[in-house]
Amino acid sequence: MEIAFNKTDAGRLKALLAESEEVLAPDLMVPEFVNGVWKLHQFTQTSLDLCDQALGTLLEMVDTFVPSREIYRDAFALSRAQKTRAAYDMFYLALALRENAVLLTLDGTLKKEARRAGVRVG
């Protein structure tokens, strides 16, 4: 959302993505992103054209969407180990752990959890 709507950290995040060999995300990111864009439209009357552009940006940013069925057990195990995060957030952490990848997030609590698990955070 930060990049798609050119918010405060968009430039820094774009630079990190540009440096990456490959950008991976759980396929769960698509419905989460659509939901976020819908809420933005619904509550702030963001234009449908801008929302449509933002949706296209998501597909341009991610090279590979990893099927949730490949990482759901790891996400569930991470969810059980810590009880403060929504289980769907653990799909991102599980993928970062599996791929020994940097987790790109602005969520402070998820950053803390990732660092605790030994995942680099961008």
PDB file of N, CA and C in Angstrom:
ATOM      1  N   MET A   1       0.839  -1.184   0.000  1.00  0.00           N
ATOM      2  CA  MET A   1       0.000   0.000   0.000  1.00  0.00           C
ATOM      3  C   MET A   1       0.883   1.246   0.000  1.00  0.00           C
ATOM      4  N   GLU A   2       1.976   1.174   0.729  1.00  0.00           N
ATOM      5  CA  GLU A   2       2.879   2.321   0.837  1.00  0.00           C
ATOM      6  C   GLU A   2       3.410   2.721  -0.542  1.00  0.00           C
ATOM      7  N   ILE A   3       3.842   1.739  -1.311  1.00  0.00           N
ATOM      8  CA  ILE A   3       4.380   2.007  -2.648  1.00  0.00           C
ATOM      9  C   ILE A   3       3.256   2.346  -3.622  1.00  0.00           C
ATOM     10  N   ALA A   4       2.195   1.571  -3.592  1.00  0.00           N
ATOM     11  CA  ALA A   4       1.107   1.735  -4.553  1.00  0.00           C
ATOM     12  C   ALA A   4       0.454   3.105  -4.468  1.00  0.00           C
ATOM     13  N   PHE A   5       0.440   3.689  -3.268  1.00  0.00           N
ATOM     14  CA  PHE A   5      -0.174   5.004  -3.101  1.00  0.00           C
ATOM     15  C   PHE A   5       0.867   6.088  -2.824  1.00  0.00           C
ATOM     16  N   ASN A   6       2.142   5.772  -3.104  1.00  0.00           N
ATOM     17  CA  ASN A   6       3.248   6.721  -3.019  1.00  0.00           C
ATOM     18  C   ASN A   6       3.258   7.481  -1.683  1.00  0.00           C
ATOM     19  N   LYS A   7       3.232   6.718  -0.617  1.00  0.00           N
ATOM     20  CA  LYS A   7       3.223   7.303   0.725  1.00  0.00           C
ATOM     21  C   LYS A   7       4.647   7.557   1.202  1.00  0.00           C
ATOM     22  N   THR A   8       4.796   7.916   2.452  1.00  0.00           N
ATOM     23  CA  THR A   8       6.048   8.389   3.040  1.00  0.00           C
ATOM     24  C   THR A   8       7.265   7.505   2.753  1.00  0.00           C
ATOM     25  N   ASP A   9       7.156   6.206   2.970  1.00  0.00           N
ATOM     26  CA  ASP A   9       8.296   5.300   2.814  1.00  0.00           C
ATOM     27  C   ASP A   9       8.397   4.671   1.430  1.00  0.00           C
ATOM     28  N   ALA A  10       7.605   5.130   0.489  1.00  0.00           N
ATOM     29  CA  ALA A  10       7.562   4.508  -0.842  1.00  0.00           C
ATOM     30  C   ALA A  10       8.929   4.489  -1.513  1.00  0.00           C
ATOM     31  N   GLY A  11       9.637   5.590  -1.494  1.00  0.00           N
ATOM     32  CA  GLY A  11      10.937   5.649  -2.164  1.00  0.00           C
ATOM     33  C   GLY A  11      11.929   4.658  -1.594  1.00  0.00           C
ATOM     34  N   ARG A  12      12.019   4.593  -0.284  1.00  0.00           N
ATOM     35  CA  ARG A  12      12.947   3.658   0.378  1.00  0.00           C
ATOM     36  C   ARG A  12      12.574   2.213   0.059  1.00  0.00           C
ATOM     37  N   LEU A  13      11.284   1.910   0.107  1.00  0.00           N
ATOM     38  CA  LEU A  13      10.845   0.545  -0.171  1.00  0.00           C
ATOM     39  C   LEU A  13      11.084   0.166  -1.632  1.00  0.00           C
ATOM     40  N   LYS A  14      10.829   1.088  -2.534  1.00  0.00           N
ATOM     41  CA  LYS A  14      11.096   0.817  -3.953  1.00  0.00           C
ATOM     42  C   LYS A  14      12.569   0.519  -4.176  1.00  0.00           C
ATOM     43  N   ALA A  15      13.441   1.275  -3.515  1.00  0.00           N
ATOM     44  CA  ALA A  15      14.886   1.056  -3.655  1.00  0.00           C
ATOM     45  C   ALA A  15      15.265  -0.336  -3.158  1.00  0.00           C
ATOM     46  N   LEU A  16      14.704  -0.758  -2.043  1.00  0.00           N
ATOM     47  CA  LEU A  16      14.994  -2.095  -1.520  1.00  0.00           C
ATOM     48  C   LEU A  16      14.508  -3.174  -2.483  1.00  0.00           C
ATOM     49  N   LEU A  17      13.340  -2.986  -3.045  1.00  0.00           N
ATOM     50  CA  LEU A  17      12.825  -3.955  -4.012  1.00  0.00           C
ATOM     51  C   LEU A  17      13.707  -3.999  -5.261  1.00  0.00           C
ATOM     52  N   ALA A  18      14.172  -2.848  -5.693  1.00  0.00           N
ATOM     53  CA  ALA A  18      15.006  -2.784  -6.893  1.00  0.00           C
ATOM     54  C   ALA A  18      16.335  -3.511  -6.696  1.00  0.00           C
ATOM     55  N   GLU A  19      16.822  -3.547  -5.471  1.00  0.00           N
ATOM     56  CA  GLU A  19      18.086  -4.228  -5.159  1.00  0.00           C
ATOM     57  C   GLU A  19      17.924  -5.744  -5.057  1.00  0.00           C
ATOM     58  N   SER A  20      16.696  -6.216  -4.974  1.00  0.00           N
ATOM     59  CA  SER A  20      16.424  -7.632  -4.745  1.00  0.00           C
ATOM     60  C   SER A  20      16.615  -8.451  -6.012  1.00  0.00           C
ATOM     61  N   GLU A  21      17.138  -9.666  -5.819  1.00  0.00           N
ATOM     62  CA  GLU A  21      17.239 -10.600  -6.937  1.00  0.00           C
ATOM     63  C   GLU A  21      15.854 -11.038  -7.385  1.00  0.00           C
ATOM     64  N   GLU A  22      15.013 -11.323  -6.405  1.00  0.00           N
ATOM     65  CA  GLU A  22      13.649 -11.759  -6.695  1.00  0.00           C
ATOM     66  C   GLU A  22      12.768 -11.310  -5.533  1.00  0.00           C
ATOM     67  N   VAL A  23      11.558 -10.885  -5.848  1.00  0.00           N
ATOM     68  CA  VAL A  23      10.598 -10.478  -4.830  1.00  0.00           C
ATOM     69  C   VAL A  23       9.530 -11.563  -4.740  1.00  0.00           C
ATOM     70  N   LEU A  24       9.444 -12.160  -3.544  1.00  0.00           N
ATOM     71  CA  LEU A  24       8.478 -13.217  -3.277  1.00  0.00           C
ATOM     72  C   LEU A  24       7.441 -12.716  -2.299  1.00  0.00           C
ATOM     73  N   ALA A  25       6.251 -13.257  -2.398  1.00  0.00           N
ATOM     74  CA  ALA A  25       5.199 -12.950  -1.428  1.00  0.00           C
ATOM     75  C   ALA A  25       4.235 -14.130  -1.395  1.00  0.00           C
ATOM     76  N   PRO A  26       3.634 -14.375  -0.236  1.00  0.00           N
ATOM     77  CA  PRO A  26       2.583 -15.395  -0.204  1.00  0.00           C
ATOM     78  C   PRO A  26       1.415 -14.936  -1.076  1.00  0.00           C
ATOM     79  N   ASP A  27       0.750 -15.874  -1.724  1.00  0.00           N
ATOM     80  CA  ASP A  27      -0.401 -15.499  -2.556  1.00  0.00           C
ATOM     81  C   ASP A  27      -1.498 -14.829  -1.734  1.00  0.00           C
ATOM     82  N   LEU A  28      -1.440 -14.996  -0.446  1.00  0.00           N
ATOM     83  CA  LEU A  28      -2.343 -14.326   0.482  1.00  0.00           C
ATOM     84  C   LEU A  28      -2.260 -12.802   0.349  1.00  0.00           C
ATOM     85  N   MET A  29      -1.149 -12.313  -0.157  1.00  0.00           N
ATOM     86  CA  MET A  29      -0.964 -10.866  -0.289  1.00  0.00           C
ATOM     87  C   MET A  29      -2.002 -10.251  -1.234  1.00  0.00           C
ATOM     88  N   VAL A  30      -2.415 -11.000  -2.233  1.00  0.00           N
ATOM     89  CA  VAL A  30      -3.371 -10.454  -3.207  1.00  0.00           C
ATOM     90  C   VAL A  30      -4.705 -10.115  -2.542  1.00  0.00           C
ATOM     91  N   PRO A  31      -5.363 -11.056  -1.852  1.00  0.00           N
ATOM     92  CA  PRO A  31      -6.631 -10.664  -1.217  1.00  0.00           C
ATOM     93  C   PRO A  31      -6.445  -9.630  -0.109  1.00  0.00           C
ATOM     94  N   GLU A  32      -5.324  -9.689   0.614  1.00  0.00           N
ATOM     95  CA  GLU A  32      -5.080  -8.673   1.642  1.00  0.00           C
ATOM     96  C   GLU A  32      -4.954  -7.287   1.019  1.00  0.00           C
ATOM     97  N   PHE A  33      -4.248  -7.218  -0.091  1.00  0.00           N
ATOM     98  CA  PHE A  33      -4.049  -5.944  -0.765  1.00  0.00           C
ATOM     99  C   PHE A  33      -5.368  -5.419  -1.325  1.00  0.00           C
ATOM    100  N   VAL A  34      -6.123  -6.294  -1.959  1.00  0.00           N
ATOM    101  CA  VAL A  34      -7.424  -5.892  -2.500  1.00  0.00           C
ATOM    102  C   VAL A  34      -8.310  -5.366  -1.372  1.00  0.00           C
ATOM    103  N   ASN A  35      -8.292  -6.038  -0.235  1.00  0.00           N
ATOM    104  CA  ASN A  35      -9.092  -5.591   0.897  1.00  0.00           C
ATOM    105  C   ASN A  35      -8.642  -4.206   1.383  1.00  0.00           C
ATOM    106  N   GLY A  36      -7.337  -3.994   1.449  1.00  0.00           N
ATOM    107  CA  GLY A  36      -6.817  -2.695   1.868  1.00  0.00           C
ATOM    108  C   GLY A  36      -7.202  -1.582   0.902  1.00  0.00           C
ATOM    109  N   VAL A  37      -7.114  -1.864  -0.384  1.00  0.00           N
ATOM    110  CA  VAL A  37      -7.482  -0.872  -1.398  1.00  0.00           C
ATOM    111  C   VAL A  37      -8.981  -0.586  -1.313  1.00  0.00           C
ATOM    112  N   TRP A  38      -9.772  -1.639  -1.135  1.00  0.00           N
ATOM    113  CA  TRP A  38     -11.219  -1.447  -1.012  1.00  0.00           C
ATOM    114  C   TRP A  38     -11.548  -0.569   0.188  1.00  0.00           C
ATOM    115  N   LYS A  39     -10.903  -0.826   1.337  1.00  0.00           N
ATOM    116  CA  LYS A  39     -11.158  -0.013   2.528  1.00  0.00           C
ATOM    117  C   LYS A  39     -10.764   1.437   2.287  1.00  0.00           C
ATOM    118  N   LEU A  40      -9.644   1.642   1.627  1.00  0.00           N
ATOM    119  CA  LEU A  40      -9.214   3.001   1.324  1.00  0.00           C
ATOM    120  C   LEU A  40     -10.258   3.707   0.460  1.00  0.00           C
ATOM    121  N   HIS A  41     -10.747   3.003  -0.556  1.00  0.00           N
ATOM    122  CA  HIS A  41     -11.794   3.574  -1.417  1.00  0.00           C
ATOM    123  C   HIS A  41     -13.067   3.851  -0.621  1.00  0.00           C
ATOM    124  N   GLN A  42     -13.462   2.890   0.166  1.00  0.00           N
ATOM    125  CA  GLN A  42     -14.722   2.985   0.900  1.00  0.00           C
ATOM    126  C   GLN A  42     -14.704   4.106   1.940  1.00  0.00           C
ATOM    127  N   PHE A  43     -13.583   4.237   2.670  1.00  0.00           N
ATOM    128  CA  PHE A  43     -13.562   5.186   3.777  1.00  0.00           C
ATOM    129  C   PHE A  43     -12.994   6.558   3.427  1.00  0.00           C
ATOM    130  N   THR A  44     -12.240   6.645   2.315  1.00  0.00           N
ATOM    131  CA  THR A  44     -11.652   7.945   1.962  1.00  0.00           C
ATOM    132  C   THR A  44     -12.084   8.416   0.583  1.00  0.00           C
ATOM    133  N   GLN A  45     -12.944   7.647  -0.069  1.00  0.00           N
ATOM    134  CA  GLN A  45     -13.419   7.978  -1.405  1.00  0.00           C
ATOM    135  C   GLN A  45     -12.271   8.121  -2.411  1.00  0.00           C
ATOM    136  N   THR A  46     -11.198   7.366  -2.208  1.00  0.00           N
ATOM    137  CA  THR A  46     -10.121   7.310  -3.198  1.00  0.00           C
ATOM    138  C   THR A  46     -10.737   6.862  -4.519  1.00  0.00           C
ATOM    139  N   SER A  47     -10.349   7.516  -5.591  1.00  0.00           N
ATOM    140  CA  SER A  47     -10.981   7.238  -6.886  1.00  0.00           C
ATOM    141  C   SER A  47     -10.744   5.793  -7.323  1.00  0.00           C
ATOM    142  N   LEU A  48     -11.704   5.283  -8.077  1.00  0.00           N
ATOM    143  CA  LEU A  48     -11.576   3.920  -8.597  1.00  0.00           C
ATOM    144  C   LEU A  48     -10.390   3.808  -9.548  1.00  0.00           C
ATOM    145  N   ASP A  49     -10.093   4.860 -10.305  1.00  0.00           N
ATOM    146  CA  ASP A  49      -8.932   4.834 -11.198  1.00  0.00           C
ATOM    147  C   ASP A  49      -7.646   4.671 -10.410  1.00  0.00           C
ATOM    148  N   LEU A  50      -7.504   5.424  -9.327  1.00  0.00           N
ATOM    149  CA  LEU A  50      -6.317   5.315  -8.493  1.00  0.00           C
ATOM    150  C   LEU A  50      -6.235   3.937  -7.838  1.00  0.00           C
ATOM    151  N   CYS A  51      -7.369   3.419  -7.414  1.00  0.00           N
ATOM    152  CA  CYS A  51      -7.400   2.078  -6.833  1.00  0.00           C
ATOM    153  C   CYS A  51      -6.969   1.031  -7.858  1.00  0.00           C
ATOM    154  N   ASP A  52      -7.451   1.165  -9.075  1.00  0.00           N
ATOM    155  CA  ASP A  52      -7.087   0.226 -10.137  1.00  0.00           C
ATOM    156  C   ASP A  52      -5.593   0.291 -10.438  1.00  0.00           C
ATOM    157  N   GLN A  53      -5.039   1.482 -10.464  1.00  0.00           N
ATOM    158  CA  GLN A  53      -3.594   1.635 -10.668  1.00  0.00           C
ATOM    159  C   GLN A  53      -2.819   0.969  -9.541  1.00  0.00           C
ATOM    160  N   ALA A  54      -3.294   1.146  -8.319  1.00  0.00           N
ATOM    161  CA  ALA A  54      -2.629   0.543  -7.153  1.00  0.00           C
ATOM    162  C   ALA A  54      -2.648  -0.979  -7.255  1.00  0.00           C
ATOM    163  N   LEU A  55      -3.767  -1.544  -7.679  1.00  0.00           N
ATOM    164  CA  LEU A  55      -3.866  -2.995  -7.827  1.00  0.00           C
ATOM    165  C   LEU A  55      -2.868  -3.504  -8.861  1.00  0.00           C
ATOM    166  N   GLY A  56      -2.694  -2.756  -9.940  1.00  0.00           N
ATOM    167  CA  GLY A  56      -1.698  -3.131 -10.948  1.00  0.00           C
ATOM    168  C   GLY A  56      -0.283  -3.041 -10.412  1.00  0.00           C
ATOM    169  N   THR A  57      -0.033  -2.087  -9.546  1.00  0.00           N
ATOM    170  CA  THR A  57       1.295  -1.917  -8.961  1.00  0.00           C
ATOM    171  C   THR A  57       1.699  -3.157  -8.177  1.00  0.00           C
ATOM    172  N   LEU A  58       0.758  -3.745  -7.451  1.00  0.00           N
ATOM    173  CA  LEU A  58       1.070  -4.955  -6.688  1.00  0.00           C
ATOM    174  C   LEU A  58       1.619  -6.040  -7.598  1.00  0.00           C
ATOM    175  N   LEU A  59       0.971  -6.254  -8.722  1.00  0.00           N
ATOM    176  CA  LEU A  59       1.407  -7.307  -9.634  1.00  0.00           C
ATOM    177  C   LEU A  59       2.770  -6.994 -10.250  1.00  0.00           C
ATOM    178  N   GLU A  60       3.086  -5.722 -10.396  1.00  0.00           N
ATOM    179  CA  GLU A  60       4.391  -5.325 -10.925  1.00  0.00           C
ATOM    180  C   GLU A  60       5.500  -5.490  -9.893  1.00  0.00           C
ATOM    181  N   MET A  61       5.182  -5.347  -8.620  1.00  0.00           N
ATOM    182  CA  MET A  61       6.185  -5.394  -7.557  1.00  0.00           C
ATOM    183  C   MET A  61       6.662  -6.804  -7.251  1.00  0.00           C
ATOM    184  N   VAL A  62       5.784  -7.781  -7.335  1.00  0.00           N
ATOM    185  CA  VAL A  62       6.086  -9.142  -6.893  1.00  0.00           C
ATOM    186  C   VAL A  62       6.406 -10.016  -8.101  1.00  0.00           C
ATOM    187  N   ASP A  63       7.572 -10.680  -8.026  1.00  0.00           N
ATOM    188  CA  ASP A  63       7.970 -11.592  -9.104  1.00  0.00           C
ATOM    189  C   ASP A  63       7.241 -12.930  -9.006  1.00  0.00           C
ATOM    190  N   THR A  64       7.133 -13.454  -7.775  1.00  0.00           N
ATOM    191  CA  THR A  64       6.541 -14.774  -7.573  1.00  0.00           C
ATOM    192  C   THR A  64       5.617 -14.759  -6.364  1.00  0.00           C
ATOM    193  N   PHE A  65       4.386 -15.170  -6.588  1.00  0.00           N
ATOM    194  CA  PHE A  65       3.450 -15.367  -5.483  1.00  0.00           C
ATOM    195  C   PHE A  65       3.517 -16.850  -5.104  1.00  0.00           C
ATOM    196  N   VAL A  66       3.924 -17.106  -3.882  1.00  0.00           N
ATOM    197  CA  VAL A  66       4.090 -18.477  -3.392  1.00  0.00           C
ATOM    198  C   VAL A  66       2.747 -18.968  -2.855  1.00  0.00           C
ATOM    199  N   PRO A  67       2.304 -20.137  -3.318  1.00  0.00           N
ATOM    200  CA  PRO A  67       1.024 -20.661  -2.840  1.00  0.00           C
ATOM    201  C   PRO A  67       1.034 -20.866  -1.321  1.00  0.00           C
ATOM    202  N   SER A  68      -0.013 -20.431  -0.687  1.00  0.00           N
ATOM    203  CA  SER A  68      -0.126 -20.565   0.771  1.00  0.00           C
ATOM    204  C   SER A  68      -0.028 -22.015   1.218  1.00  0.00           C
ATOM    205  N   ARG A  69      -0.487 -22.928   0.377  1.00  0.00           N
ATOM    206  CA  ARG A  69      -0.438 -24.341   0.765  1.00  0.00           C
ATOM    207  C   ARG A  69       0.991 -24.846   0.948  1.00  0.00           C
ATOM    208  N   GLU A  70       1.975 -24.127   0.402  1.00  0.00           N
ATOM    209  CA  GLU A  70       3.378 -24.528   0.580  1.00  0.00           C
ATOM    210  C   GLU A  70       3.935 -24.124   1.937  1.00  0.00           C
ATOM    211  N   ILE A  71       3.321 -23.141   2.585  1.00  0.00           N
ATOM    212  CA  ILE A  71       3.898 -22.617   3.823  1.00  0.00           C
ATOM    213  C   ILE A  71       2.906 -22.587   4.992  1.00  0.00           C
ATOM    214  N   TYR A  72       1.728 -23.156   4.805  1.00  0.00           N
ATOM    215  CA  TYR A  72       0.706 -23.031   5.848  1.00  0.00           C
ATOM    216  C   TYR A  72       1.089 -23.723   7.147  1.00  0.00           C
ATOM    217  N   ARG A  73       1.784 -24.854   7.066  1.00  0.00           N
ATOM    218  CA  ARG A  73       2.176 -25.548   8.302  1.00  0.00           C
ATOM    219  C   ARG A  73       3.180 -24.722   9.097  1.00  0.00           C
ATOM    220  N   ASP A  74       4.142 -24.124   8.389  1.00  0.00           N
ATOM    221  CA  ASP A  74       5.122 -23.274   9.065  1.00  0.00           C
ATOM    222  C   ASP A  74       4.446 -22.035   9.658  1.00  0.00           C
ATOM    223  N   ALA A  75       3.503 -21.470   8.916  1.00  0.00           N
ATOM    224  CA  ALA A  75       2.777 -20.304   9.426  1.00  0.00           C
ATOM    225  C   ALA A  75       1.975 -20.674  10.672  1.00  0.00           C
ATOM    226  N   PHE A  76       1.385 -21.850  10.656  1.00  0.00           N
ATOM    227  CA  PHE A  76       0.621 -22.298  11.816  1.00  0.00           C
ATOM    228  C   PHE A  76       1.533 -22.508  13.016  1.00  0.00           C
ATOM    229  N   ALA A  77       2.690 -23.116  12.788  1.00  0.00           N
ATOM    230  CA  ALA A  77       3.645 -23.335  13.882  1.00  0.00           C
ATOM    231  C   ALA A  77       4.117 -21.997  14.467  1.00  0.00           C
ATOM    232  N   LEU A  78       4.398 -21.037  13.610  1.00  0.00           N
ATOM    233  CA  LEU A  78       4.809 -19.711  14.083  1.00  0.00           C
ATOM    234  C   LEU A  78       3.679 -19.034  14.855  1.00  0.00           C
ATOM    235  N   SER A  79       2.457 -19.221  14.405  1.00  0.00           N
ATOM    236  CA  SER A  79       1.301 -18.638  15.082  1.00  0.00           C
ATOM    237  C   SER A  79       1.136 -19.217  16.482  1.00  0.00           C
ATOM    238  N   ARG A  80       1.370 -20.507  16.608  1.00  0.00           N
ATOM    239  CA  ARG A  80       1.261 -21.149  17.921  1.00  0.00           C
ATOM    240  C   ARG A  80       2.370 -20.690  18.853  1.00  0.00           C
ATOM    241  N   ALA A  81       3.575 -20.480  18.295  1.00  0.00           N
ATOM    242  CA  ALA A  81       4.735 -20.113  19.108  1.00  0.00           C
ATOM    243  C   ALA A  81       4.607 -18.716  19.703  1.00  0.00           C
ATOM    244  N   GLN A  82       3.997 -17.835  18.982  1.00  0.00           N
ATOM    245  CA  GLN A  82       3.765 -16.479  19.494  1.00  0.00           C
ATOM    246  C   GLN A  82       2.271 -16.232  19.414  1.00  0.00           C
ATOM    247  N   LYS A  83       1.741 -15.581  20.360  1.00  0.00           N
ATOM    248  CA  LYS A  83       0.284 -15.465  20.418  1.00  0.00           C
ATOM    249  C   LYS A  83      -0.207 -14.033  20.220  1.00  0.00           C
ATOM    250  N   THR A  84       0.659 -13.178  19.710  1.00  0.00           N
ATOM    251  CA  THR A  84       0.288 -11.774  19.597  1.00  0.00           C
ATOM    252  C   THR A  84      -0.012 -11.331  18.170  1.00  0.00           C
ATOM    253  N   ARG A  85       0.240 -12.145  17.187  1.00  0.00           N
ATOM    254  CA  ARG A  85       0.064 -11.756  15.791  1.00  0.00           C
ATOM    255  C   ARG A  85      -1.080 -12.541  15.165  1.00  0.00           C
ATOM    256  N   ALA A  86      -1.686 -11.942  14.168  1.00  0.00           N
ATOM    257  CA  ALA A  86      -2.685 -12.657  13.374  1.00  0.00           C
ATOM    258  C   ALA A  86      -1.969 -13.762  12.601  1.00  0.00           C
ATOM    259  N   ALA A  87      -2.629 -14.882  12.481  1.00  0.00           N
ATOM    260  CA  ALA A  87      -2.001 -16.025  11.818  1.00  0.00           C
ATOM    261  C   ALA A  87      -1.592 -15.704  10.382  1.00  0.00           C
ATOM    262  N   TYR A  88      -2.375 -14.887   9.684  1.00  0.00           N
ATOM    263  CA  TYR A  88      -2.024 -14.612   8.298  1.00  0.00           C
ATOM    264  C   TYR A  88      -0.710 -13.846   8.185  1.00  0.00           C
ATOM    265  N   ASP A  89      -0.334 -13.058   9.183  1.00  0.00           N
ATOM    266  CA  ASP A  89       0.968 -12.375   9.154  1.00  0.00           C
ATOM    267  C   ASP A  89       2.114 -13.374   9.165  1.00  0.00           C
ATOM    268  N   MET A  90       1.878 -14.529   9.772  1.00  0.00           N
ATOM    269  CA  MET A  90       2.943 -15.522   9.885  1.00  0.00           C
ATOM    270  C   MET A  90       3.274 -16.186   8.550  1.00  0.00           C
ATOM    271  N   PHE A  91       2.406 -16.053   7.554  1.00  0.00           N
ATOM    272  CA  PHE A  91       2.730 -16.567   6.223  1.00  0.00           C
ATOM    273  C   PHE A  91       3.930 -15.799   5.648  1.00  0.00           C
ATOM    274  N   TYR A  92       3.975 -14.503   5.895  1.00  0.00           N
ATOM    275  CA  TYR A  92       5.086 -13.681   5.411  1.00  0.00           C
ATOM    276  C   TYR A  92       6.379 -14.067   6.122  1.00  0.00           C
ATOM    277  N   LEU A  93       6.281 -14.267   7.426  1.00  0.00           N
ATOM    278  CA  LEU A  93       7.455 -14.665   8.200  1.00  0.00           C
ATOM    279  C   LEU A  93       7.908 -16.070   7.821  1.00  0.00           C
ATOM    280  N   ALA A  94       6.969 -16.969   7.644  1.00  0.00           N
ATOM    281  CA  ALA A  94       7.313 -18.344   7.250  1.00  0.00           C
ATOM    282  C   ALA A  94       8.032 -18.359   5.907  1.00  0.00           C
ATOM    283  N   LEU A  95       7.571 -17.568   4.968  1.00  0.00           N
ATOM    284  CA  LEU A  95       8.218 -17.512   3.657  1.00  0.00           C
ATOM    285  C   LEU A  95       9.624 -16.927   3.767  1.00  0.00           C
ATOM    286  N   ALA A  96       9.770 -15.873   4.543  1.00  0.00           N
ATOM    287  CA  ALA A  96      11.098 -15.272   4.730  1.00  0.00           C
ATOM    288  C   ALA A  96      12.056 -16.275   5.367  1.00  0.00           C
ATOM    289  N   LEU A  97      11.576 -17.028   6.343  1.00  0.00           N
ATOM    290  CA  LEU A  97      12.417 -18.051   6.976  1.00  0.00           C
ATOM    291  C   LEU A  97      12.791 -19.142   5.981  1.00  0.00           C
ATOM    292  N   ARG A  98      11.819 -19.622   5.240  1.00  0.00           N
ATOM    293  CA  ARG A  98      12.064 -20.698   4.279  1.00  0.00           C
ATOM    294  C   ARG A  98      13.084 -20.299   3.220  1.00  0.00           C
ATOM    295  N   GLU A  99      13.008 -19.063   2.762  1.00  0.00           N
ATOM    296  CA  GLU A  99      13.862 -18.602   1.672  1.00  0.00           C
ATOM    297  C   GLU A  99      15.114 -17.868   2.149  1.00  0.00           C
ATOM    298  N   ASN A 100      15.285 -17.753   3.481  1.00  0.00           N
ATOM    299  CA  ASN A 100      16.392 -16.969   4.040  1.00  0.00           C
ATOM    300  C   ASN A 100      16.411 -15.582   3.395  1.00  0.00           C
ATOM    301  N   ALA A 101      15.247 -14.957   3.406  1.00  0.00           N
ATOM    302  CA  ALA A 101      15.046 -13.691   2.709  1.00  0.00           C
ATOM    303  C   ALA A 101      14.837 -12.550   3.696  1.00  0.00           C
ATOM    304  N   VAL A 102      14.978 -11.354   3.198  1.00  0.00           N
ATOM    305  CA  VAL A 102      14.674 -10.156   3.973  1.00  0.00           C
ATOM    306  C   VAL A 102      13.160  -9.965   3.966  1.00  0.00           C
ATOM    307  N   LEU A 103      12.593  -9.692   5.124  1.00  0.00           N
ATOM    308  CA  LEU A 103      11.162  -9.422   5.228  1.00  0.00           C
ATOM    309  C   LEU A 103      10.957  -7.922   5.155  1.00  0.00           C
ATOM    310  N   LEU A 104      10.232  -7.494   4.175  1.00  0.00           N
ATOM    311  CA  LEU A 104       9.961  -6.068   3.980  1.00  0.00           C
ATOM    312  C   LEU A 104       8.581  -5.762   4.557  1.00  0.00           C
ATOM    313  N   THR A 105       8.560  -5.047   5.683  1.00  0.00           N
ATOM    314  CA  THR A 105       7.310  -4.696   6.339  1.00  0.00           C
ATOM    315  C   THR A 105       7.471  -3.392   7.097  1.00  0.00           C
ATOM    316  N   LEU A 106       6.385  -2.676   7.239  1.00  0.00           N
ATOM    317  CA  LEU A 106       6.365  -1.471   8.062  1.00  0.00           C
ATOM    318  C   LEU A 106       5.701  -1.742   9.412  1.00  0.00           C
ATOM    319  N   ASP A 107       5.224  -2.942   9.596  1.00  0.00           N
ATOM    320  CA  ASP A 107       4.543  -3.337  10.833  1.00  0.00           C
ATOM    321  C   ASP A 107       5.577  -3.568  11.933  1.00  0.00           C
ATOM    322  N   GLY A 108       5.574  -2.694  12.931  1.00  0.00           N
ATOM    323  CA  GLY A 108       6.565  -2.757  13.996  1.00  0.00           C
ATOM    324  C   GLY A 108       6.549  -4.057  14.774  1.00  0.00           C
ATOM    325  N   THR A 109       5.372  -4.577  15.066  1.00  0.00           N
ATOM    326  CA  THR A 109       5.275  -5.827  15.820  1.00  0.00           C
ATOM    327  C   THR A 109       5.773  -6.999  14.992  1.00  0.00           C
ATOM    328  N   LEU A 110       5.447  -7.015  13.710  1.00  0.00           N
ATOM    329  CA  LEU A 110       5.931  -8.085  12.834  1.00  0.00           C
ATOM    330  C   LEU A 110       7.441  -7.993  12.665  1.00  0.00           C
ATOM    331  N   LYS A 111       7.992  -6.786  12.588  1.00  0.00           N
ATOM    332  CA  LYS A 111       9.448  -6.614  12.525  1.00  0.00           C
ATOM    333  C   LYS A 111      10.109  -7.237  13.750  1.00  0.00           C
ATOM    334  N   LYS A 112       9.556  -6.950  14.900  1.00  0.00           N
ATOM    335  CA  LYS A 112      10.105  -7.478  16.148  1.00  0.00           C
ATOM    336  C   LYS A 112      10.068  -9.005  16.154  1.00  0.00           C
ATOM    337  N   GLU A 113       8.953  -9.573  15.735  1.00  0.00           N
ATOM    338  CA  GLU A 113       8.802 -11.027  15.675  1.00  0.00           C
ATOM    339  C   GLU A 113       9.790 -11.638  14.681  1.00  0.00           C
ATOM    340  N   ALA A 114       9.961 -10.973  13.551  1.00  0.00           N
ATOM    341  CA  ALA A 114      10.897 -11.462  12.539  1.00  0.00           C
ATOM    342  C   ALA A 114      12.326 -11.455  13.074  1.00  0.00           C
ATOM    343  N   ARG A 115      12.710 -10.374  13.700  1.00  0.00           N
ATOM    344  CA  ARG A 115      14.067 -10.301  14.263  1.00  0.00           C
ATOM    345  C   ARG A 115      14.278 -11.383  15.309  1.00  0.00           C
ATOM    346  N   ARG A 116      13.262 -11.600  16.130  1.00  0.00           N
ATOM    347  CA  ARG A 116      13.350 -12.647  17.148  1.00  0.00           C
ATOM    348  C   ARG A 116      13.547 -14.017  16.515  1.00  0.00           C
ATOM    349  N   ALA A 117      12.967 -14.207  15.319  1.00  0.00           N
ATOM    350  CA  ALA A 117      13.107 -15.483  14.616  1.00  0.00           C
ATOM    351  C   ALA A 117      14.392 -15.550  13.781  1.00  0.00           C
ATOM    352  N   GLY A 118      15.180 -14.466  13.792  1.00  0.00           N
ATOM    353  CA  GLY A 118      16.430 -14.463  13.046  1.00  0.00           C
ATOM    354  C   GLY A 118      16.293 -14.043  11.597  1.00  0.00           C
ATOM    355  N   VAL A 119      15.193 -13.390  11.273  1.00  0.00           N
ATOM    356  CA  VAL A 119      14.957 -12.939   9.894  1.00  0.00           C
ATOM    357  C   VAL A 119      15.407 -11.495   9.771  1.00  0.00           C
ATOM    358  N   ARG A 120      16.127 -11.206   8.701  1.00  0.00           N
ATOM    359  CA  ARG A 120      16.515  -9.816   8.419  1.00  0.00           C
ATOM    360  C   ARG A 120      15.289  -9.028   7.987  1.00  0.00           C
ATOM    361  N   VAL A 121      15.227  -7.795   8.413  1.00  0.00           N
ATOM    362  CA  VAL A 121      14.069  -6.958   8.133  1.00  0.00           C
ATOM    363  C   VAL A 121      14.515  -5.721   7.369  1.00  0.00           C
ATOM    364  N   GLY A 122      13.740  -5.356   6.350  1.00  0.00           N
ATOM    365  CA  GLY A 122      14.043  -4.166   5.563  1.00  0.00           C
ATOM    366  C   GLY A 122      13.002  -3.103   5.757  1.00  0.00           C
TER     367      GLY A 122
END
